[in-house]
Amino acid sequence: MGYIKGYKRAIKTLDSIGEHKNLIRVKPSDYLCDSYVSNRCVAHLDGKPLYFDDDHLSSTGSSLVVTEVINQIIQ
């Protein structure tokens, strides 16, 4: 099962919040899917796992997402 299909309900719920001036949306799939391999979400990068289990990012995966969160905040 793919990421989008597996989390369709959660994504729909979060998207239903709407737009707010102080809301920053960071979707891990924006950084982990179609970025390193076309039409794929990566599970490993440079030999390091990006996921701890089937649902949770590892420290390596989390670092990639946190970097994007910080970039969004300081823009």
N, C-alpha and C. Protein backbone atom coordinates (compact mmCIF):
# COMPACT_ATOMS: atom_id res chain seq x y z
N MET A 1 0.86 -1.18 0.00
CA MET A 1 0.00 0.00 0.00
C MET A 1 0.90 1.24 0.00
N GLY A 2 0.58 2.18 -0.85
CA GLY A 2 1.38 3.40 -0.93
C GLY A 2 1.04 4.39 0.17
N TYR A 3 1.94 5.33 0.35
CA TYR A 3 1.78 6.34 1.39
C TYR A 3 0.45 7.10 1.26
N ILE A 4 0.19 7.63 0.08
CA ILE A 4 -1.00 8.45 -0.12
C ILE A 4 -2.26 7.61 0.11
N LYS A 5 -2.28 6.41 -0.43
CA LYS A 5 -3.44 5.53 -0.25
C LYS A 5 -3.63 5.16 1.21
N GLY A 6 -2.54 4.85 1.90
CA GLY A 6 -2.62 4.43 3.30
C GLY A 6 -3.05 5.53 4.25
N TYR A 7 -2.73 6.75 3.92
CA TYR A 7 -3.02 7.87 4.82
C TYR A 7 -4.04 8.84 4.24
N LYS A 8 -4.82 8.37 3.28
CA LYS A 8 -5.79 9.22 2.59
C LYS A 8 -6.74 9.91 3.57
N ARG A 9 -7.25 9.17 4.53
CA ARG A 9 -8.20 9.74 5.49
C ARG A 9 -7.54 10.82 6.36
N ALA A 10 -6.34 10.54 6.85
CA ALA A 10 -5.64 11.52 7.69
C ALA A 10 -5.29 12.76 6.88
N ILE A 11 -4.85 12.58 5.66
CA ILE A 11 -4.50 13.71 4.80
C ILE A 11 -5.74 14.56 4.53
N LYS A 12 -6.86 13.92 4.24
CA LYS A 12 -8.10 14.64 3.98
C LYS A 12 -8.53 15.43 5.21
N THR A 13 -8.42 14.83 6.39
CA THR A 13 -8.81 15.51 7.63
C THR A 13 -7.93 16.73 7.88
N LEU A 14 -6.62 16.57 7.74
CA LEU A 14 -5.71 17.70 7.96
C LEU A 14 -5.91 18.79 6.91
N ASP A 15 -6.14 18.39 5.67
CA ASP A 15 -6.38 19.39 4.62
C ASP A 15 -7.68 20.15 4.84
N SER A 16 -8.63 19.54 5.55
CA SER A 16 -9.93 20.20 5.77
C SER A 16 -9.83 21.37 6.75
N ILE A 17 -8.70 21.51 7.42
CA ILE A 17 -8.50 22.63 8.34
C ILE A 17 -8.60 23.96 7.60
N GLY A 18 -8.19 23.96 6.35
CA GLY A 18 -8.24 25.19 5.56
C GLY A 18 -6.95 25.98 5.69
N GLU A 19 -6.98 27.17 5.18
CA GLU A 19 -5.80 28.04 5.19
C GLU A 19 -5.90 29.03 6.35
N HIS A 20 -4.78 29.24 7.01
CA HIS A 20 -4.68 30.21 8.10
C HIS A 20 -3.31 30.88 8.00
N LYS A 21 -3.24 32.15 8.36
CA LYS A 21 -2.00 32.90 8.17
C LYS A 21 -0.84 32.34 8.99
N ASN A 22 -1.09 31.72 10.12
CA ASN A 22 -0.03 31.18 10.96
C ASN A 22 0.16 29.67 10.83
N LEU A 23 -0.49 29.09 9.84
CA LEU A 23 -0.39 27.64 9.63
C LEU A 23 0.65 27.34 8.57
N ILE A 24 1.59 26.52 8.92
CA ILE A 24 2.61 26.07 7.97
C ILE A 24 2.37 24.59 7.72
N ARG A 25 2.18 24.22 6.49
CA ARG A 25 1.95 22.82 6.13
C ARG A 25 3.25 22.20 5.65
N VAL A 26 3.63 21.15 6.31
CA VAL A 26 4.81 20.39 5.90
C VAL A 26 4.35 18.95 5.72
N LYS A 27 4.43 18.47 4.52
CA LYS A 27 4.03 17.10 4.21
C LYS A 27 5.29 16.31 3.89
N PRO A 28 5.61 15.33 4.73
CA PRO A 28 6.81 14.53 4.48
C PRO A 28 6.86 13.94 3.07
N SER A 29 5.70 13.61 2.52
CA SER A 29 5.69 13.04 1.17
C SER A 29 6.23 14.02 0.13
N ASP A 30 6.13 15.32 0.41
CA ASP A 30 6.68 16.32 -0.52
C ASP A 30 8.20 16.22 -0.61
N TYR A 31 8.83 15.69 0.41
CA TYR A 31 10.29 15.62 0.46
C TYR A 31 10.82 14.20 0.26
N LEU A 32 9.99 13.21 0.58
CA LEU A 32 10.45 11.82 0.50
C LEU A 32 9.94 11.09 -0.73
N CYS A 33 8.98 11.66 -1.42
CA CYS A 33 8.42 11.02 -2.61
C CYS A 33 8.72 11.86 -3.85
N ASP A 34 9.14 11.20 -4.89
CA ASP A 34 9.46 11.84 -6.18
C ASP A 34 10.62 12.83 -6.09
N SER A 35 11.35 12.82 -4.99
CA SER A 35 12.49 13.72 -4.85
C SER A 35 13.81 13.03 -5.21
N TYR A 36 13.95 11.83 -4.76
CA TYR A 36 15.20 11.10 -4.96
C TYR A 36 15.06 10.03 -6.05
N VAL A 37 13.85 9.45 -6.15
CA VAL A 37 13.56 8.44 -7.16
C VAL A 37 12.21 8.80 -7.78
N SER A 38 12.16 8.89 -9.09
CA SER A 38 10.93 9.26 -9.78
C SER A 38 9.81 8.26 -9.49
N ASN A 39 8.64 8.79 -9.15
CA ASN A 39 7.43 8.00 -8.88
C ASN A 39 7.58 7.03 -7.71
N ARG A 40 8.46 7.33 -6.79
CA ARG A 40 8.67 6.48 -5.62
C ARG A 40 8.89 7.31 -4.37
N CYS A 41 8.47 6.75 -3.25
CA CYS A 41 8.83 7.30 -1.94
C CYS A 41 10.02 6.48 -1.45
N VAL A 42 11.06 7.14 -1.04
CA VAL A 42 12.26 6.42 -0.63
C VAL A 42 12.14 5.95 0.83
N ALA A 43 12.70 4.78 1.10
CA ALA A 43 12.73 4.24 2.45
C ALA A 43 14.14 4.26 3.01
N HIS A 44 15.13 4.36 2.11
CA HIS A 44 16.54 4.42 2.48
C HIS A 44 17.20 5.51 1.66
N LEU A 45 18.18 6.17 2.24
CA LEU A 45 18.94 7.19 1.53
C LEU A 45 20.39 7.07 1.94
N ASP A 46 21.26 6.91 0.98
CA ASP A 46 22.69 6.72 1.24
C ASP A 46 22.93 5.59 2.22
N GLY A 47 22.14 4.51 2.09
CA GLY A 47 22.31 3.34 2.94
C GLY A 47 21.72 3.47 4.34
N LYS A 48 21.07 4.59 4.62
CA LYS A 48 20.49 4.80 5.95
C LYS A 48 18.96 4.71 5.86
N PRO A 49 18.33 3.97 6.76
CA PRO A 49 16.87 3.86 6.73
C PRO A 49 16.21 5.18 7.12
N LEU A 50 15.15 5.53 6.41
CA LEU A 50 14.41 6.75 6.71
C LEU A 50 13.22 6.49 7.62
N TYR A 51 12.92 5.21 7.82
CA TYR A 51 11.80 4.83 8.68
C TYR A 51 12.25 3.87 9.77
N PHE A 52 11.70 4.06 10.97
CA PHE A 52 11.96 3.19 12.11
C PHE A 52 11.13 1.91 11.98
N ASP A 53 9.89 2.08 11.53
CA ASP A 53 9.00 0.96 11.26
C ASP A 53 8.13 1.37 10.07
N ASP A 54 6.99 0.75 9.88
CA ASP A 54 6.21 1.05 8.68
C ASP A 54 5.49 2.39 8.72
N ASP A 55 5.47 3.06 9.87
CA ASP A 55 4.76 4.34 9.97
C ASP A 55 5.58 5.50 10.50
N HIS A 56 6.70 5.25 11.14
CA HIS A 56 7.42 6.29 11.87
C HIS A 56 8.81 6.52 11.27
N LEU A 57 9.13 7.80 11.11
CA LEU A 57 10.45 8.15 10.57
C LEU A 57 11.55 7.83 11.57
N SER A 58 12.68 7.43 11.03
CA SER A 58 13.88 7.24 11.84
C SER A 58 14.50 8.60 12.13
N SER A 59 15.58 8.63 12.87
CA SER A 59 16.23 9.92 13.14
C SER A 59 16.74 10.53 11.83
N THR A 60 17.20 9.71 10.91
CA THR A 60 17.65 10.23 9.61
C THR A 60 16.48 10.82 8.83
N GLY A 61 15.37 10.09 8.76
CA GLY A 61 14.19 10.59 8.07
C GLY A 61 13.62 11.83 8.73
N SER A 62 13.58 11.82 10.05
CA SER A 62 13.08 12.97 10.80
C SER A 62 13.93 14.20 10.54
N SER A 63 15.23 14.01 10.47
CA SER A 63 16.13 15.15 10.21
C SER A 63 15.83 15.81 8.88
N LEU A 64 15.51 15.02 7.86
CA LEU A 64 15.16 15.59 6.56
C LEU A 64 13.90 16.45 6.67
N VAL A 65 12.90 15.95 7.38
CA VAL A 65 11.65 16.69 7.51
C VAL A 65 11.83 17.91 8.40
N VAL A 66 12.57 17.77 9.49
CA VAL A 66 12.80 18.90 10.40
C VAL A 66 13.52 20.03 9.66
N THR A 67 14.45 19.69 8.82
CA THR A 67 15.16 20.70 8.04
C THR A 67 14.16 21.50 7.20
N GLU A 68 13.21 20.83 6.61
CA GLU A 68 12.19 21.52 5.80
C GLU A 68 11.27 22.36 6.66
N VAL A 69 10.93 21.88 7.88
CA VAL A 69 10.11 22.66 8.80
C VAL A 69 10.84 23.96 9.16
N ILE A 70 12.10 23.85 9.50
CA ILE A 70 12.91 25.03 9.84
C ILE A 70 12.97 25.99 8.66
N ASN A 71 13.18 25.45 7.45
CA ASN A 71 13.22 26.31 6.26
C ASN A 71 11.91 27.06 6.07
N GLN A 72 10.79 26.41 6.33
CA GLN A 72 9.49 27.07 6.20
C GLN A 72 9.31 28.17 7.25
N ILE A 73 9.79 27.93 8.46
CA ILE A 73 9.64 28.90 9.54
C ILE A 73 10.48 30.15 9.29
N ILE A 74 11.70 29.99 8.80
CA ILE A 74 12.59 31.13 8.65
C ILE A 74 12.40 31.89 7.34
N GLN A 75 11.50 31.43 6.50
CA GLN A 75 11.27 32.13 5.21
C GLN A 75 10.66 33.48 5.43
